[in-house]
Protein backbone atom coordinates (compact mmCIF):
# COMPACT_ATOMS: atom_id res chain seq x y z
CA MET A 1 90.05 -113.26 92.29
CA ASN A 2 89.45 -113.27 96.05
CA LYS A 3 87.79 -110.38 97.85
CA GLU A 4 91.00 -108.97 99.27
CA LYS A 5 92.50 -108.68 95.78
CA ILE A 6 89.29 -107.10 94.47
CA ARG A 7 89.37 -104.52 97.27
CA ASP A 8 93.02 -103.73 96.56
CA LYS A 9 92.32 -103.30 92.87
CA ILE A 10 89.35 -101.02 93.58
CA THR A 11 91.51 -98.86 95.86
CA LYS A 12 94.16 -98.57 93.15
CA LEU A 13 91.63 -97.71 90.43
CA LYS A 14 89.99 -95.05 92.59
CA LYS A 15 93.30 -93.19 92.76
CA GLU A 16 94.06 -93.66 89.07
CA LYS A 17 90.65 -92.47 87.90
CA ASN A 18 89.96 -89.85 90.59
CA ALA A 19 86.88 -91.79 91.63
CA ALA A 20 84.75 -92.07 94.75
CA ILE A 21 82.42 -94.88 95.76
CA LEU A 22 79.06 -94.02 97.30
CA ALA A 23 76.95 -96.75 98.90
CA HIS A 24 73.38 -96.65 100.13
CA ASN A 25 72.58 -97.84 103.65
CA TYR A 26 70.86 -100.92 102.20
CA GLN A 27 73.91 -102.21 100.30
CA ILE A 28 75.56 -105.45 101.38
CA GLY A 29 78.36 -105.18 103.93
CA GLU A 30 81.27 -105.82 101.54
CA VAL A 31 80.13 -102.91 99.36
CA GLN A 32 79.66 -100.60 102.34
CA ASP A 33 83.19 -101.50 103.45
CA VAL A 34 84.80 -100.21 100.23
CA ALA A 35 82.66 -97.09 100.04
CA ASP A 36 84.04 -93.61 100.66
CA TYR A 37 80.61 -92.47 101.80
CA ILE A 38 77.54 -94.33 103.06
CA GLY A 39 74.14 -92.73 103.43
CA ASP A 40 70.61 -92.24 102.17
CA SER A 41 69.75 -91.49 98.56
CA LEU A 42 69.59 -87.69 98.69
CA GLY A 43 72.55 -87.33 101.04
CA LEU A 44 74.70 -89.41 98.72
CA SER A 45 73.58 -87.40 95.68
CA GLN A 46 74.54 -84.19 97.44
CA LYS A 47 77.87 -85.78 98.37
CA ALA A 48 78.43 -86.64 94.70
CA ALA A 49 78.21 -82.93 93.91
CA GLN A 50 80.50 -81.93 96.80
CA VAL A 51 83.43 -84.32 96.45
CA GLU A 52 86.42 -83.50 94.25
CA ALA A 53 86.27 -86.86 92.48
CA LYS A 54 85.40 -86.71 88.80
CA VAL A 55 83.98 -90.26 88.69
CA ILE A 56 81.24 -91.46 91.06
CA VAL A 57 80.46 -95.16 91.42
CA PHE A 58 76.95 -95.07 92.87
CA CYS A 59 76.07 -98.28 94.68
CA GLY A 60 72.32 -98.01 94.94
CA VAL A 61 69.37 -98.14 92.58
CA HIS A 62 68.91 -96.25 89.33
CA PHE A 63 66.84 -93.27 90.49
CA MET A 64 69.53 -92.49 93.08
CA ALA A 65 72.28 -92.46 90.45
CA GLU A 66 70.08 -90.25 88.28
CA THR A 67 69.68 -87.78 91.14
CA ALA A 68 73.46 -87.72 91.56
CA LYS A 69 73.82 -86.95 87.84
CA ILE A 70 71.26 -84.14 88.14
CA LEU A 71 73.15 -82.54 91.03
CA ALA A 72 76.59 -83.24 89.53
CA PRO A 73 76.05 -83.07 85.73
CA GLU A 74 79.73 -82.50 84.98
CA LYS A 75 80.77 -85.77 86.62
CA THR A 76 80.73 -89.32 85.29
CA ILE A 77 78.17 -91.33 87.28
CA LEU A 78 78.45 -95.11 87.10
CA ILE A 79 76.06 -97.69 88.52
CA PRO A 80 77.64 -101.14 88.97
CA ASP A 81 74.50 -102.98 87.81
CA GLU A 82 72.23 -101.15 85.37
CA ARG A 83 69.40 -103.56 86.23
CA ALA A 84 69.26 -102.24 89.81
CA GLY A 85 65.97 -100.41 89.61
CA CYS A 86 63.23 -99.44 92.04
CA PRO A 87 59.75 -100.94 91.55
CA MET A 88 58.16 -98.07 93.50
CA ALA A 89 59.85 -95.44 91.32
CA ASP A 90 58.46 -97.28 88.28
CA MET A 91 54.89 -97.12 89.64
CA ILE A 92 54.39 -93.63 88.19
CA THR A 93 55.55 -92.15 84.89
CA ALA A 94 55.92 -88.52 83.86
CA SER A 95 52.90 -88.78 81.54
CA GLU A 96 50.78 -90.28 84.31
CA LEU A 97 51.76 -87.46 86.63
CA ARG A 98 50.87 -84.84 83.99
CA GLU A 99 47.43 -86.38 83.48
CA TRP A 100 46.85 -86.69 87.23
CA LYS A 101 47.67 -83.01 87.78
CA LYS A 102 45.06 -81.99 85.19
CA ASN A 103 42.33 -83.43 87.42
CA TYR A 104 43.32 -81.23 90.38
CA PRO A 105 43.79 -77.62 89.26
CA GLY A 106 45.20 -75.41 91.99
CA SER A 107 46.90 -78.31 93.77
CA LYS A 108 50.64 -78.83 94.18
CA ALA A 109 52.44 -82.03 93.24
CA VAL A 110 55.03 -83.38 95.67
CA CYS A 111 57.19 -86.26 94.50
CA TYR A 112 59.28 -88.44 96.74
CA VAL A 113 62.97 -88.62 95.76
CA ASN A 114 62.22 -92.30 95.02
CA THR A 115 61.08 -91.34 91.51
CA THR A 116 62.65 -91.16 88.07
CA ALA A 117 64.26 -87.98 86.77
CA GLU A 118 61.36 -87.51 84.34
CA VAL A 119 58.84 -87.55 87.20
CA LYS A 120 60.92 -85.14 89.27
CA ALA A 121 60.87 -82.80 86.28
CA GLU A 122 57.05 -82.74 86.31
CA CYS A 123 56.43 -82.12 90.02
CA ASP A 124 56.42 -78.84 91.94
CA ILE A 125 58.86 -80.01 94.57
CA CYS A 126 60.62 -83.13 95.84
CA CYS A 127 60.74 -84.49 99.36
CA THR A 128 62.54 -87.15 101.36
CA SER A 129 61.05 -89.42 104.01
CA SER A 130 62.55 -87.19 106.71
CA ASN A 131 61.35 -83.83 105.38
CA ALA A 132 58.07 -84.76 103.65
CA VAL A 133 55.88 -83.14 106.32
CA LYS A 134 57.93 -79.95 106.30
CA VAL A 135 57.83 -79.76 102.50
CA VAL A 136 54.06 -80.27 102.36
CA ASN A 137 53.42 -77.67 105.06
CA SER A 138 55.59 -75.14 103.21
CA LEU A 139 53.43 -75.14 100.10
CA ASN A 140 50.86 -72.49 99.28
CA ALA A 141 48.08 -74.95 98.50
CA ASP A 142 45.46 -76.76 100.54
CA GLU A 143 45.42 -79.81 98.28
CA ILE A 144 48.59 -81.82 97.73
CA LEU A 145 49.15 -84.60 95.22
CA PHE A 146 51.70 -86.98 96.70
CA ALA A 147 53.51 -89.58 94.59
CA PRO A 148 54.32 -92.37 94.45
CA ASP A 149 54.23 -93.87 97.97
CA LYS A 150 50.76 -94.05 99.51
CA ASN A 151 52.14 -95.17 102.88
CA LEU A 152 54.45 -92.17 103.20
CA ALA A 153 51.49 -90.05 102.05
CA ALA A 154 49.35 -91.53 104.83
CA TYR A 155 52.07 -90.72 107.35
CA VAL A 156 52.27 -87.12 106.09
CA ALA A 157 48.47 -86.81 106.25
CA ARG A 158 48.64 -87.48 110.00
CA HIS A 159 50.91 -84.48 110.48
CA THR A 160 49.34 -81.80 108.30
CA LYS A 161 46.01 -80.03 107.94
CA LYS A 162 46.33 -80.09 104.18
CA LYS A 163 44.40 -82.58 102.08
CA ILE A 164 46.77 -85.27 100.83
CA ILE A 165 45.79 -87.11 97.66
CA PRO A 166 48.06 -90.16 97.29
CA TRP A 167 49.19 -92.04 94.22
CA ASP A 168 48.67 -95.79 94.55
CA GLY A 169 52.34 -96.78 94.89
CA TYR A 170 54.32 -98.48 97.60
CA CYS A 171 57.68 -99.98 98.55
CA TYR A 172 57.36 -103.76 98.40
CA VAL A 173 60.08 -104.20 101.04
CA HIS A 174 58.29 -102.09 103.64
CA ARG A 175 54.95 -103.63 102.70
CA TYR A 176 56.41 -107.01 103.73
CA ILE A 177 56.68 -105.77 107.32
CA LYS A 178 53.39 -106.47 109.13
CA ASP A 179 52.02 -105.48 112.52
CA ARG A 180 52.26 -109.16 113.47
CA ASP A 181 56.03 -109.00 112.91
CA ILE A 182 56.36 -106.07 115.30
CA LYS A 183 54.30 -107.81 117.95
CA ASP A 184 56.29 -111.03 117.63
CA LYS A 185 59.61 -109.22 117.94
CA ARG A 186 58.35 -107.22 120.93
CA ASN A 187 57.53 -110.53 122.62
CA LEU A 188 61.05 -111.78 121.91
CA TYR A 189 62.74 -108.54 122.99
CA PRO A 190 60.45 -106.81 125.52
CA GLU A 191 63.09 -104.21 126.45
CA ALA A 192 63.68 -103.12 122.85
CA GLU A 193 62.46 -99.95 121.20
CA VAL A 194 60.78 -100.20 117.82
CA TRP A 195 61.94 -97.89 115.02
CA VAL A 196 60.19 -98.05 111.65
CA HIS A 197 60.48 -96.26 108.34
CA PRO A 198 57.57 -93.99 107.26
CA GLU A 199 57.15 -96.14 104.12
CA CYS A 200 55.73 -98.85 106.41
CA LEU A 201 52.04 -99.67 106.59
CA PRO A 202 49.96 -97.40 108.88
CA GLU A 203 49.22 -100.26 111.29
CA VAL A 204 52.97 -100.88 111.64
CA ILE A 205 53.62 -97.19 112.29
CA ASP A 206 50.95 -97.31 115.02
CA LEU A 207 53.09 -99.82 116.93
CA ALA A 208 56.41 -97.96 116.63
CA ASP A 209 58.21 -95.97 119.28
CA LYS A 210 59.91 -93.87 116.60
CA VAL A 211 59.25 -93.28 112.90
CA LEU A 212 62.55 -92.45 111.21
CA SER A 213 64.17 -92.23 107.79
CA THR A 214 67.26 -94.35 107.22
CA GLY A 215 69.51 -91.36 107.79
CA LYS A 216 67.74 -90.52 111.05
CA MET A 217 67.96 -94.16 112.17
CA VAL A 218 71.73 -94.09 111.75
CA GLN A 219 71.95 -90.84 113.74
CA GLU A 220 69.60 -92.03 116.46
CA ALA A 221 71.49 -95.31 116.83
CA ARG A 222 74.57 -93.34 117.84
CA LYS A 223 72.68 -91.24 120.39
CA THR A 224 70.22 -93.63 122.02
CA LYS A 225 70.94 -95.15 125.40
CA LYS A 226 68.79 -98.14 124.47
CA LYS A 227 70.78 -101.34 124.02
CA GLU A 228 68.15 -103.20 121.98
CA ILE A 229 66.28 -101.83 118.97
CA ILE A 230 63.90 -103.52 116.55
CA ILE A 231 64.42 -102.05 113.08
CA GLY A 232 61.50 -101.84 110.66
CA THR A 233 63.18 -101.19 107.34
CA GLU A 234 65.40 -102.97 104.79
CA THR A 235 67.75 -105.21 106.73
CA GLY A 236 70.94 -103.97 105.03
CA ILE A 237 71.05 -100.95 107.31
CA ILE A 238 71.66 -103.16 110.34
CA TYR A 239 75.19 -103.95 109.12
CA ARG A 240 76.14 -100.28 109.35
CA MET A 241 74.33 -99.68 112.64
CA LYS A 242 76.00 -102.66 114.30
CA LYS A 243 79.41 -101.73 112.93
CA GLU A 244 79.11 -98.18 114.30
CA ASN A 245 77.49 -99.24 117.59
CA PRO A 246 79.00 -102.61 118.58
CA THR A 247 77.60 -102.53 122.14
CA LYS A 248 74.00 -102.30 120.93
CA ASN A 249 71.78 -104.98 119.41
CA PHE A 250 69.65 -104.34 116.35
CA TYR A 251 66.98 -106.83 115.34
CA PRO A 252 65.15 -106.79 111.99
CA ALA A 253 61.40 -106.47 112.38
CA ARG A 254 61.13 -109.02 109.58
CA ASP A 255 64.11 -111.16 108.62
CA VAL A 256 63.27 -111.29 104.91
CA ALA A 257 62.75 -107.54 104.43
CA PHE A 258 65.41 -106.95 101.82
CA CYS A 259 65.53 -105.21 98.46
CA PHE A 260 66.47 -107.58 95.65
CA ASN A 261 67.65 -104.68 93.48
CA MET A 262 69.99 -103.30 96.14
CA LYS A 263 71.46 -106.76 96.51
CA LYS A 264 72.35 -106.98 92.81
CA ILE A 265 75.54 -105.04 93.47
CA GLY A 266 78.62 -106.81 94.83
CA LEU A 267 82.36 -106.18 94.97
CA GLY A 268 82.98 -107.78 91.59
CA LYS A 269 80.48 -105.50 89.86
CA VAL A 270 81.94 -102.42 91.55
CA LEU A 271 85.35 -103.39 90.21
CA THR A 272 84.09 -104.16 86.70
CA SER A 273 82.17 -100.89 86.46
CA LEU A 274 85.15 -98.82 87.58
CA GLU A 275 87.69 -100.80 85.58
CA ASN A 276 85.78 -100.54 82.31
CA MET A 277 83.89 -97.28 83.02
CA ILE A 278 80.63 -99.00 82.18
CA HIS A 279 76.97 -98.42 83.00
CA LYS A 280 77.15 -94.63 82.77
CA VAL A 281 74.03 -92.83 83.95
CA GLU A 282 72.80 -90.02 81.70
CA VAL A 283 69.95 -87.54 82.07
CA SER A 284 68.95 -85.21 79.24
CA LEU A 285 69.68 -81.50 79.76
CA GLU A 286 65.99 -80.50 79.61
CA VAL A 287 64.90 -83.12 82.14
CA SER A 288 67.92 -82.48 84.34
CA GLN A 289 67.31 -78.74 84.59
CA LYS A 290 63.64 -79.15 85.46
CA ALA A 291 64.27 -81.95 87.93
CA ARG A 292 67.09 -80.01 89.56
CA GLY A 293 64.65 -77.17 90.19
CA SER A 294 62.29 -79.43 92.16
CA ILE A 295 65.20 -80.81 94.19
CA GLU A 296 66.69 -77.39 94.91
CA ARG A 297 63.32 -76.02 96.04
CA MET A 298 63.25 -78.82 98.60
CA ILE A 299 66.82 -78.14 99.73
CA GLU A 300 66.00 -74.43 100.21
CA ILE A 301 63.22 -75.43 102.61
């Protein structure tokens, strides 16, 4: 079946099954093109709860689909490839977090949304890359345990007076991006601004003009008067930025900075998942309720 026929069939099935397709900014272009909504992980999970659709096909990685299920427990959440995981989310387990907290009585545990539902259930509050500093500064504690991304933790530590104790986790995609890459691209495009994600290494952040989450990058791309921007994050986002801003040029800081798990999803898998209602994402009631609390505390802030 060619891609046009697959797209037509997906459109028909969405109407038949009262379904919506949500795609993360890092998804391949053909998946973004059939999506009803494109965005970052938390924004898409909130959208899953807001839309009238009863079935959500979540084109992202597993922790994102779990978060959607937590915020929309009454809906059917499908992930087109159940093997699409997140190595960083797997770098800490709920039991490891419980043991870690025992060593720091009186501290507060902040977990990045890039964690499993079980980990979210064990932390005091969640955060995103765009609100991590605000979340940390809101807490009534001088000592903050921050999991799992040590690079985001290092970025937060620069912007707070609180003591940040990081877990030893990281995003392998952002770790690929080196300061040498930024310097090389600046030499190629001397008029370009450099935007990087806060999951990048500290020495990469030191070279950036702006440090932005994926959602903020998309927003800033619409507003900036700059015509050339070097993008220090997963390269999939450039498809959306270029599509929305055709008169501007976006260059990846590192050409091979892509997430293998995000790229596991294609049009055929979206169709198969929706057609057969397979790869349903479930979260137990106990875990869901506790995890929802940590997410809602963040949203309140």
